[in-house]
Amino acid sequence: MTDAATRAADLLKEHRESIDRLDAILVYTLGERFKHTQSVGRLKAEHDLPPSDPAREAKQIARLEDLANRADLDPDFAKKFLNFIIAEVIQHHKKHQE
């Protein structure tokens, strides 16, 4: 390997190690988030509250879009990601109500 190719391989390895660490952070963060949303679902079920809160969801989507813009992340991607999470949370909340 040339010096340039060796340096590129080293940089690639460093980027991949960072990506792996960030993936772990994402998974643990989502795990923690879902622990809280499960508690919210149980609380809603105990008090006969609806599993979905459209006003809260809209506020969260707007908040996440703002965060995405500040983080230089595609806000459409962030919105899709949050919508996916919200849909999953609502399903969990519905299960608590059964």
N, C-alpha and C. Protein backbone atom coordinates (compact mmCIF):
# COMPACT_ATOMS: atom_id res chain seq x y z
N MET A 1 0.84 -1.20 0.00
CA MET A 1 0.00 0.00 0.00
C MET A 1 0.88 1.25 0.00
N THR A 2 0.37 2.26 -0.68
CA THR A 2 1.09 3.53 -0.67
C THR A 2 0.79 4.27 0.63
N ASP A 3 1.59 5.29 0.90
CA ASP A 3 1.35 6.09 2.11
C ASP A 3 -0.05 6.69 2.10
N ALA A 4 -0.50 7.17 0.95
CA ALA A 4 -1.83 7.78 0.84
C ALA A 4 -2.91 6.72 1.10
N ALA A 5 -2.73 5.54 0.54
CA ALA A 5 -3.72 4.47 0.74
C ALA A 5 -3.73 4.00 2.19
N THR A 6 -2.56 3.94 2.81
CA THR A 6 -2.48 3.55 4.23
C THR A 6 -3.18 4.59 5.09
N ARG A 7 -2.93 5.86 4.81
CA ARG A 7 -3.58 6.95 5.57
C ARG A 7 -5.09 6.90 5.38
N ALA A 8 -5.52 6.66 4.15
CA ALA A 8 -6.96 6.57 3.87
C ALA A 8 -7.58 5.40 4.63
N ALA A 9 -6.88 4.27 4.66
CA ALA A 9 -7.39 3.10 5.39
C ALA A 9 -7.48 3.40 6.89
N ASP A 10 -6.48 4.12 7.42
CA ASP A 10 -6.51 4.51 8.83
C ASP A 10 -7.68 5.45 9.13
N LEU A 11 -7.89 6.42 8.24
CA LEU A 11 -9.01 7.35 8.41
C LEU A 11 -10.35 6.62 8.33
N LEU A 12 -10.46 5.69 7.40
CA LEU A 12 -11.69 4.91 7.25
C LEU A 12 -11.97 4.13 8.53
N LYS A 13 -10.93 3.54 9.08
CA LYS A 13 -11.07 2.77 10.33
C LYS A 13 -11.54 3.69 11.46
N GLU A 14 -10.97 4.88 11.57
CA GLU A 14 -11.36 5.84 12.61
C GLU A 14 -12.82 6.26 12.44
N HIS A 15 -13.22 6.56 11.22
CA HIS A 15 -14.62 6.94 10.96
C HIS A 15 -15.57 5.80 11.34
N ARG A 16 -15.21 4.60 10.96
CA ARG A 16 -16.07 3.45 11.27
C ARG A 16 -16.16 3.20 12.78
N GLU A 17 -15.06 3.39 13.48
CA GLU A 17 -15.10 3.24 14.95
C GLU A 17 -16.01 4.29 15.57
N SER A 18 -15.96 5.51 15.07
CA SER A 18 -16.85 6.57 15.56
C SER A 18 -18.30 6.24 15.25
N ILE A 19 -18.55 5.76 14.04
CA ILE A 19 -19.92 5.37 13.65
C ILE A 19 -20.43 4.28 14.57
N ASP A 20 -19.59 3.30 14.86
CA ASP A 20 -19.99 2.20 15.75
C ASP A 20 -20.34 2.71 17.15
N ARG A 21 -19.54 3.64 17.66
CA ARG A 21 -19.83 4.23 18.98
C ARG A 21 -21.14 5.00 18.95
N LEU A 22 -21.34 5.77 17.89
CA LEU A 22 -22.57 6.55 17.77
C LEU A 22 -23.80 5.64 17.61
N ASP A 23 -23.65 4.54 16.89
CA ASP A 23 -24.75 3.58 16.79
C ASP A 23 -25.13 3.03 18.16
N ALA A 24 -24.12 2.74 18.97
CA ALA A 24 -24.38 2.24 20.33
C ALA A 24 -25.11 3.31 21.15
N ILE A 25 -24.68 4.55 21.02
CA ILE A 25 -25.35 5.64 21.73
C ILE A 25 -26.81 5.74 21.29
N LEU A 26 -27.06 5.65 19.99
CA LEU A 26 -28.43 5.72 19.48
C LEU A 26 -29.30 4.60 20.04
N VAL A 27 -28.77 3.39 20.05
CA VAL A 27 -29.54 2.24 20.54
C VAL A 27 -29.85 2.40 22.03
N TYR A 28 -28.85 2.76 22.82
CA TYR A 28 -29.09 2.93 24.26
C TYR A 28 -30.03 4.11 24.52
N THR A 29 -29.90 5.18 23.74
CA THR A 29 -30.78 6.33 23.90
C THR A 29 -32.21 5.97 23.55
N LEU A 30 -32.40 5.22 22.46
CA LEU A 30 -33.75 4.78 22.10
C LEU A 30 -34.32 3.86 23.17
N GLY A 31 -33.47 2.99 23.72
CA GLY A 31 -33.93 2.10 24.79
C GLY A 31 -34.43 2.90 25.98
N GLU A 32 -33.69 3.92 26.36
CA GLU A 32 -34.08 4.78 27.48
C GLU A 32 -35.36 5.54 27.16
N ARG A 33 -35.45 6.04 25.94
CA ARG A 33 -36.65 6.77 25.51
C ARG A 33 -37.88 5.88 25.60
N PHE A 34 -37.75 4.66 25.10
CA PHE A 34 -38.90 3.76 25.10
C PHE A 34 -39.28 3.31 26.51
N LYS A 35 -38.34 3.28 27.44
CA LYS A 35 -38.71 2.99 28.83
C LYS A 35 -39.67 4.06 29.34
N HIS A 36 -39.37 5.30 29.00
CA HIS A 36 -40.24 6.40 29.43
C HIS A 36 -41.58 6.38 28.70
N THR A 37 -41.56 6.10 27.41
CA THR A 37 -42.83 6.08 26.68
C THR A 37 -43.70 4.91 27.12
N GLN A 38 -43.08 3.81 27.54
CA GLN A 38 -43.86 2.69 28.09
C GLN A 38 -44.54 3.13 29.39
N SER A 39 -43.83 3.86 30.22
CA SER A 39 -44.42 4.38 31.45
C SER A 39 -45.57 5.34 31.14
N VAL A 40 -45.38 6.18 30.14
CA VAL A 40 -46.44 7.09 29.72
C VAL A 40 -47.65 6.29 29.25
N GLY A 41 -47.41 5.23 28.49
CA GLY A 41 -48.51 4.39 28.00
C GLY A 41 -49.29 3.75 29.14
N ARG A 42 -48.59 3.26 30.14
CA ARG A 42 -49.27 2.68 31.30
C ARG A 42 -50.08 3.73 32.05
N LEU A 43 -49.51 4.91 32.21
CA LEU A 43 -50.19 6.00 32.89
C LEU A 43 -51.45 6.41 32.12
N LYS A 44 -51.33 6.53 30.80
CA LYS A 44 -52.49 6.88 29.98
C LYS A 44 -53.58 5.82 30.10
N ALA A 45 -53.18 4.55 30.09
CA ALA A 45 -54.15 3.46 30.20
C ALA A 45 -54.86 3.50 31.56
N GLU A 46 -54.10 3.75 32.62
CA GLU A 46 -54.68 3.79 33.97
C GLU A 46 -55.70 4.92 34.12
N HIS A 47 -55.51 5.99 33.37
CA HIS A 47 -56.37 7.17 33.51
C HIS A 47 -57.27 7.40 32.30
N ASP A 48 -57.42 6.36 31.49
CA ASP A 48 -58.31 6.42 30.32
C ASP A 48 -58.00 7.59 29.39
N LEU A 49 -56.74 7.85 29.18
CA LEU A 49 -56.33 8.90 28.26
C LEU A 49 -56.06 8.28 26.89
N PRO A 50 -56.28 9.04 25.82
CA PRO A 50 -56.04 8.47 24.48
C PRO A 50 -54.57 8.15 24.25
N PRO A 51 -54.30 7.09 23.48
CA PRO A 51 -52.91 6.71 23.22
C PRO A 51 -52.14 7.73 22.39
N SER A 52 -52.85 8.53 21.62
CA SER A 52 -52.22 9.51 20.75
C SER A 52 -52.52 10.92 21.25
N ASP A 53 -51.56 11.82 21.10
CA ASP A 53 -51.73 13.22 21.47
C ASP A 53 -51.24 14.06 20.29
N PRO A 54 -52.13 14.30 19.30
CA PRO A 54 -51.71 15.00 18.08
C PRO A 54 -51.04 16.36 18.32
N ALA A 55 -51.50 17.11 19.32
CA ALA A 55 -50.90 18.42 19.58
C ALA A 55 -49.45 18.24 20.05
N ARG A 56 -49.24 17.31 20.95
CA ARG A 56 -47.88 17.02 21.43
C ARG A 56 -47.00 16.52 20.29
N GLU A 57 -47.54 15.64 19.46
CA GLU A 57 -46.78 15.08 18.35
C GLU A 57 -46.36 16.17 17.38
N ALA A 58 -47.28 17.08 17.06
CA ALA A 58 -46.96 18.18 16.13
C ALA A 58 -45.87 19.08 16.72
N LYS A 59 -45.99 19.35 18.02
CA LYS A 59 -44.98 20.18 18.69
C LYS A 59 -43.61 19.50 18.66
N GLN A 60 -43.59 18.19 18.89
CA GLN A 60 -42.33 17.45 18.89
C GLN A 60 -41.71 17.42 17.49
N ILE A 61 -42.54 17.27 16.48
CA ILE A 61 -42.02 17.26 15.10
C ILE A 61 -41.39 18.61 14.77
N ALA A 62 -42.07 19.69 15.12
CA ALA A 62 -41.53 21.03 14.87
C ALA A 62 -40.22 21.22 15.64
N ARG A 63 -40.20 20.76 16.88
CA ARG A 63 -38.99 20.87 17.71
C ARG A 63 -37.84 20.09 17.08
N LEU A 64 -38.13 18.88 16.61
CA LEU A 64 -37.08 18.06 16.02
C LEU A 64 -36.59 18.65 14.70
N GLU A 65 -37.49 19.23 13.92
CA GLU A 65 -37.06 19.89 12.69
C GLU A 65 -36.08 21.02 13.00
N ASP A 66 -36.38 21.80 14.03
CA ASP A 66 -35.49 22.89 14.44
C ASP A 66 -34.14 22.33 14.88
N LEU A 67 -34.17 21.29 15.71
CA LEU A 67 -32.92 20.66 16.14
C LEU A 67 -32.12 20.14 14.95
N ALA A 68 -32.82 19.51 14.01
CA ALA A 68 -32.15 18.97 12.82
C ALA A 68 -31.46 20.08 12.04
N ASN A 69 -32.17 21.18 11.86
CA ASN A 69 -31.56 22.31 11.13
C ASN A 69 -30.31 22.81 11.84
N ARG A 70 -30.37 22.90 13.18
CA ARG A 70 -29.21 23.38 13.93
C ARG A 70 -28.07 22.37 13.92
N ALA A 71 -28.41 21.08 13.77
CA ALA A 71 -27.39 20.02 13.76
C ALA A 71 -26.89 19.70 12.35
N ASP A 72 -27.37 20.47 11.38
CA ASP A 72 -27.00 20.24 9.97
C ASP A 72 -27.42 18.85 9.51
N LEU A 73 -28.62 18.44 9.94
CA LEU A 73 -29.22 17.16 9.55
C LEU A 73 -30.44 17.47 8.70
N ASP A 74 -30.66 16.69 7.68
CA ASP A 74 -31.82 16.88 6.81
C ASP A 74 -33.10 16.85 7.65
N PRO A 75 -33.84 17.96 7.73
CA PRO A 75 -35.04 17.98 8.57
C PRO A 75 -36.11 17.00 8.10
N ASP A 76 -36.16 16.72 6.80
CA ASP A 76 -37.14 15.72 6.32
C ASP A 76 -36.81 14.34 6.87
N PHE A 77 -35.52 14.01 6.90
CA PHE A 77 -35.12 12.74 7.50
C PHE A 77 -35.48 12.70 8.98
N ALA A 78 -35.18 13.77 9.70
CA ALA A 78 -35.49 13.84 11.13
C ALA A 78 -36.99 13.68 11.36
N LYS A 79 -37.79 14.30 10.51
CA LYS A 79 -39.25 14.21 10.63
C LYS A 79 -39.72 12.77 10.39
N LYS A 80 -39.20 12.13 9.38
CA LYS A 80 -39.55 10.73 9.10
C LYS A 80 -39.15 9.83 10.28
N PHE A 81 -37.98 10.08 10.82
CA PHE A 81 -37.48 9.30 11.95
C PHE A 81 -38.40 9.46 13.16
N LEU A 82 -38.75 10.70 13.48
CA LEU A 82 -39.63 10.92 14.63
C LEU A 82 -41.02 10.35 14.37
N ASN A 83 -41.53 10.49 13.16
CA ASN A 83 -42.84 9.91 12.84
C ASN A 83 -42.83 8.40 13.03
N PHE A 84 -41.74 7.76 12.66
CA PHE A 84 -41.60 6.32 12.86
C PHE A 84 -41.64 5.98 14.35
N ILE A 85 -40.90 6.74 15.14
CA ILE A 85 -40.87 6.50 16.59
C ILE A 85 -42.25 6.75 17.19
N ILE A 86 -42.89 7.84 16.80
CA ILE A 86 -44.22 8.16 17.33
C ILE A 86 -45.21 7.04 17.01
N ALA A 87 -45.18 6.54 15.79
CA ALA A 87 -46.08 5.45 15.41
C ALA A 87 -45.85 4.22 16.29
N GLU A 88 -44.60 3.92 16.56
CA GLU A 88 -44.26 2.78 17.42
C GLU A 88 -44.75 3.01 18.84
N VAL A 89 -44.57 4.20 19.35
CA VAL A 89 -45.01 4.54 20.70
C VAL A 89 -46.53 4.42 20.81
N ILE A 90 -47.24 4.92 19.82
CA ILE A 90 -48.71 4.84 19.84
C ILE A 90 -49.16 3.39 19.86
N GLN A 91 -48.48 2.53 19.09
CA GLN A 91 -48.81 1.10 19.12
C GLN A 91 -48.61 0.52 20.51
N HIS A 92 -47.53 0.89 21.16
CA HIS A 92 -47.28 0.43 22.53
C HIS A 92 -48.37 0.93 23.47
N HIS A 93 -48.76 2.18 23.31
CA HIS A 93 -49.81 2.75 24.17
C HIS A 93 -51.13 2.03 23.95
N LYS A 94 -51.43 1.70 22.71
CA LYS A 94 -52.68 0.97 22.43
C LYS A 94 -52.66 -0.40 23.09
N LYS A 95 -51.51 -1.05 23.09
CA LYS A 95 -51.41 -2.37 23.74
C LYS A 95 -51.67 -2.27 25.24
N HIS A 96 -51.21 -1.18 25.85
CA HIS A 96 -51.46 -0.99 27.29
C HIS A 96 -52.94 -0.82 27.57
N GLN A 97 -53.67 -0.30 26.59
CA GLN A 97 -55.10 -0.04 26.80
C GLN A 97 -55.96 -1.28 26.60
N GLU A 98 -55.38 -2.31 26.04
CA GLU A 98 -56.15 -3.54 25.80
C GLU A 98 -56.37 -4.33 27.06
